Amino acid sequence: MNTARRDLSTYVGMLAVAVAAAVLSFSTLSGLAELAGVSGEVLGFKLAWLLPIAIDAYAVTATRVWLRNTATGHVRQYARSNAVGAIGLSVTGNGAYHFFASAGVTSLTSVSSGWLVVVTVSAVPPVILGLVPVQRDESKGAAEKKMRDHWAAEGAQGRTPSGAKLDRVAGTRDYGRKVRRTLLAEEAAALDDSQQDIK
């Protein structure tokens, strides 16, 4: 089995697990939101559904950035910790709901420390909203700029860096070869243009 096929299988498997986990925890996290007093509907859409959507969508987003080949090492590390944090938050929320449900709690206002859970549930969506833009910190463009700068410096020394070297410079994975092909094509086109001008 070739590497591309194996990677596709890995991503399909991860997607299946992520969807199953999101579906299984959806009712539990929305139940926790309802216990915390999140009620009401907008066009038939229960507002309590927003808690699991926020947590699970952020877990998926952070995981995707973590695994993205064009993200730099710093961004991948940040995304990895956020993905693990979002998954941990989902597990904690699921556990809390089942704990309260098994104790027969129908509203967190009737529990002595229930206010703490209510405040935590209320704080989750804005905190997640604040974390999302950081995932875009050093995108593909920043990584490519680092590679182009290194390419120019090495070219001035008469050297042509490999794709792996470009990946190391920019902190990416499997993106350097693509940028290297682009840079080689650009150099070939520039050389061809200069030869046309001489004729």
Protein backbone atom coordinates (compact mmCIF):
# COMPACT_ATOMS: atom_id res chain seq x y z
CA MET A 1 0.00 0.00 0.00
CA ASN A 2 1.53 3.35 -0.99
CA THR A 3 1.93 6.32 1.39
CA ALA A 4 -0.81 8.45 -0.18
CA ARG A 5 -3.31 5.60 0.10
CA ARG A 6 -2.28 4.97 3.72
CA ASP A 7 -2.65 8.69 4.55
CA LEU A 8 -6.10 8.75 2.95
CA SER A 9 -7.10 5.69 4.98
CA THR A 10 -5.81 7.38 8.13
CA TYR A 11 -7.77 10.56 7.45
CA VAL A 12 -10.95 8.64 6.58
CA GLY A 13 -10.61 6.63 9.79
CA MET A 14 -10.03 9.79 11.82
CA LEU A 15 -13.04 11.43 10.23
CA ALA A 16 -15.25 8.43 11.04
CA VAL A 17 -14.10 8.45 14.67
CA ALA A 18 -14.58 12.23 14.95
CA VAL A 19 -18.10 12.08 13.51
CA ALA A 20 -19.08 9.16 15.77
CA ALA A 21 -17.69 10.92 18.85
CA ALA A 22 -19.41 14.20 17.96
CA VAL A 23 -22.77 12.50 17.39
CA LEU A 24 -22.54 10.44 20.58
CA SER A 25 -21.59 13.42 22.77
CA PHE A 26 -23.97 15.88 21.09
CA SER A 27 -27.04 15.01 23.16
CA THR A 28 -24.99 14.81 26.34
CA LEU A 29 -23.39 18.25 25.97
CA SER A 30 -26.67 19.83 24.89
CA GLY A 31 -28.26 18.20 27.96
CA LEU A 32 -25.59 19.82 30.13
CA ALA A 33 -26.33 23.18 28.51
CA GLU A 34 -30.02 22.72 29.30
CA LEU A 35 -29.18 21.86 32.93
CA ALA A 36 -27.16 25.09 33.03
CA GLY A 37 -30.22 27.05 31.92
CA VAL A 38 -29.53 27.47 28.21
CA SER A 39 -33.03 27.38 26.76
CA GLY A 40 -35.03 28.74 23.90
CA GLU A 41 -35.08 28.24 20.16
CA VAL A 42 -34.34 30.26 17.07
CA LEU A 43 -36.20 29.03 13.99
CA GLY A 44 -36.59 25.59 15.56
CA PHE A 45 -32.89 25.41 16.45
CA LYS A 46 -32.36 24.77 20.17
CA LEU A 47 -29.80 27.16 21.67
CA ALA A 48 -28.51 24.35 23.90
CA TRP A 49 -27.16 22.69 20.72
CA LEU A 50 -24.61 25.49 20.38
CA LEU A 51 -22.46 24.18 23.25
CA PRO A 52 -21.62 20.82 21.64
CA ILE A 53 -21.27 22.48 18.24
CA ALA A 54 -18.78 25.01 19.63
CA ILE A 55 -16.71 22.41 21.49
CA ASP A 56 -16.72 19.72 18.80
CA ALA A 57 -16.21 22.10 15.88
CA TYR A 58 -13.26 23.65 17.68
CA ALA A 59 -11.78 20.21 18.39
CA VAL A 60 -12.06 19.37 14.68
CA THR A 61 -10.60 22.74 13.63
CA ALA A 62 -7.66 22.50 16.03
CA THR A 63 -6.99 18.90 14.99
CA ARG A 64 -7.02 19.86 11.31
CA VAL A 65 -4.57 22.72 11.89
CA TRP A 66 -2.40 20.40 13.96
CA LEU A 67 -2.22 17.90 11.09
CA ARG A 68 -1.98 20.46 8.28
CA ASN A 69 1.26 20.14 6.34
CA THR A 70 1.60 23.86 5.75
CA ALA A 71 1.39 24.96 9.39
CA THR A 72 4.62 25.90 11.13
CA GLY A 73 5.87 24.03 14.18
CA HIS A 74 4.68 26.74 16.58
CA VAL A 75 1.16 26.71 15.15
CA ARG A 76 1.01 22.91 15.12
CA GLN A 77 2.09 22.76 18.77
CA TYR A 78 -0.53 25.36 19.73
CA ALA A 79 -3.20 23.56 17.72
CA ARG A 80 -2.29 20.20 19.25
CA SER A 81 -2.68 21.54 22.79
CA ASN A 82 -5.99 23.16 21.82
CA ALA A 83 -7.26 19.96 20.20
CA VAL A 84 -6.41 17.96 23.32
CA GLY A 85 -7.98 20.68 25.48
CA ALA A 86 -11.20 20.71 23.45
CA ILE A 87 -11.43 16.94 23.59
CA GLY A 88 -10.80 17.05 27.34
CA LEU A 89 -13.52 19.68 27.70
CA SER A 90 -15.93 17.45 25.79
CA VAL A 91 -15.09 14.46 28.00
CA THR A 92 -15.50 16.58 31.14
CA GLY A 93 -18.84 17.93 29.94
CA ASN A 94 -20.09 14.46 29.10
CA GLY A 95 -19.00 13.16 32.50
CA ALA A 96 -20.57 16.11 34.33
CA TYR A 97 -23.90 15.65 32.56
CA HIS A 98 -24.03 11.93 33.35
CA PHE A 99 -23.06 12.62 36.96
CA PHE A 100 -25.86 15.15 37.40
CA ALA A 101 -28.38 13.03 35.48
CA SER A 102 -27.62 9.95 37.59
CA ALA A 103 -28.12 12.05 40.74
CA GLY A 104 -31.54 13.14 39.46
CA VAL A 105 -30.57 16.80 39.03
CA THR A 106 -32.94 18.61 36.68
CA SER A 107 -31.46 22.10 37.10
CA LEU A 108 -28.01 23.18 38.24
CA THR A 109 -29.57 26.03 40.24
CA SER A 110 -30.80 23.40 42.72
CA VAL A 111 -27.24 22.14 43.38
CA SER A 112 -25.04 23.96 45.92
CA SER A 113 -22.06 24.43 43.56
CA GLY A 114 -24.17 24.35 40.40
CA TRP A 115 -23.48 28.04 39.75
CA LEU A 116 -19.85 27.14 39.00
CA VAL A 117 -20.91 24.75 36.23
CA VAL A 118 -23.38 27.34 34.91
CA VAL A 119 -20.61 29.98 34.71
CA THR A 120 -18.22 27.49 33.07
CA VAL A 121 -20.79 26.43 30.46
CA SER A 122 -21.55 30.10 29.74
CA ALA A 123 -17.84 30.92 29.36
CA VAL A 124 -16.98 28.14 26.90
CA PRO A 125 -18.31 29.67 23.63
CA PRO A 126 -16.62 33.10 23.98
CA VAL A 127 -13.33 31.52 25.07
CA ILE A 128 -13.39 29.22 22.03
CA LEU A 129 -14.23 32.17 19.79
CA GLY A 130 -11.16 33.95 21.14
CA LEU A 131 -8.90 30.96 20.45
CA VAL A 132 -9.91 30.38 16.82
CA PRO A 133 -8.01 33.28 15.15
CA VAL A 134 -4.72 32.19 16.69
CA GLN A 135 -4.99 28.98 14.64
CA ARG A 136 -4.37 31.14 11.54
CA ASP A 137 -1.23 32.73 13.03
CA GLU A 138 1.42 31.48 10.64
CA SER A 139 -0.34 30.23 7.56
CA LYS A 140 0.82 28.81 4.27
CA GLY A 141 1.92 32.25 3.07
CA ALA A 142 4.27 32.80 6.01
CA ALA A 143 5.81 29.35 5.58
CA GLU A 144 6.28 29.91 1.85
CA LYS A 145 7.93 33.30 2.49
CA LYS A 146 10.46 31.65 4.84
CA MET A 147 11.17 29.05 2.16
CA ARG A 148 11.58 31.69 -0.58
CA ASP A 149 13.95 33.74 1.59
CA HIS A 150 16.06 30.66 2.32
CA TRP A 151 15.98 29.68 -1.36
CA ALA A 152 17.32 33.11 -2.37
CA ALA A 153 20.08 33.03 0.28
CA GLU A 154 21.15 29.53 -0.76
CA GLY A 155 20.94 30.45 -4.45
CA ALA A 156 23.31 33.36 -3.82
CA GLN A 157 25.80 30.77 -2.50
CA GLY A 158 25.30 28.59 -5.59
CA ARG A 159 23.29 25.96 -3.73
CA THR A 160 19.81 24.57 -4.40
CA PRO A 161 18.04 23.44 -1.22
CA SER A 162 16.01 20.24 -1.13
CA GLY A 163 12.32 20.16 -0.32
CA ALA A 164 13.15 18.56 3.04
CA LYS A 165 15.52 21.42 3.85
CA LEU A 166 12.81 23.96 2.99
CA ASP A 167 10.42 22.09 5.31
CA ARG A 168 12.98 22.25 8.12
CA VAL A 169 13.52 25.99 7.60
CA ALA A 170 9.80 26.78 7.67
CA GLY A 171 8.81 24.13 10.24
CA THR A 172 6.40 22.43 7.84
CA ARG A 173 5.91 18.84 6.72
CA ASP A 174 5.77 17.66 3.12
CA TYR A 175 5.23 21.19 1.79
CA GLY A 176 8.82 22.02 0.84
CA ARG A 177 8.83 19.81 -2.28
CA LYS A 178 5.81 21.62 -3.66
CA VAL A 179 7.38 25.03 -3.05
CA ARG A 180 10.71 23.78 -4.49
CA ARG A 181 8.98 22.68 -7.72
CA THR A 182 7.33 26.10 -7.96
CA LEU A 183 10.63 27.90 -7.39
CA LEU A 184 12.45 25.76 -9.96
CA ALA A 185 9.68 26.41 -12.50
CA GLU A 186 9.88 30.15 -11.81
CA GLU A 187 13.67 30.11 -12.31
CA ALA A 188 13.32 28.12 -15.53
CA ALA A 189 10.71 30.57 -16.84
CA ALA A 190 12.92 33.55 -15.92
CA LEU A 191 15.91 31.95 -17.65
CA ASP A 192 13.81 31.23 -20.73
CA ASP A 193 12.60 34.86 -20.80
CA SER A 194 16.15 36.20 -20.52
CA GLN A 195 17.29 33.96 -23.36
CA GLN A 196 14.41 35.20 -25.50
CA ASP A 197 15.47 38.80 -24.80
CA ILE A 198 19.03 38.04 -25.96
CA LYS A 199 17.75 36.70 -29.29
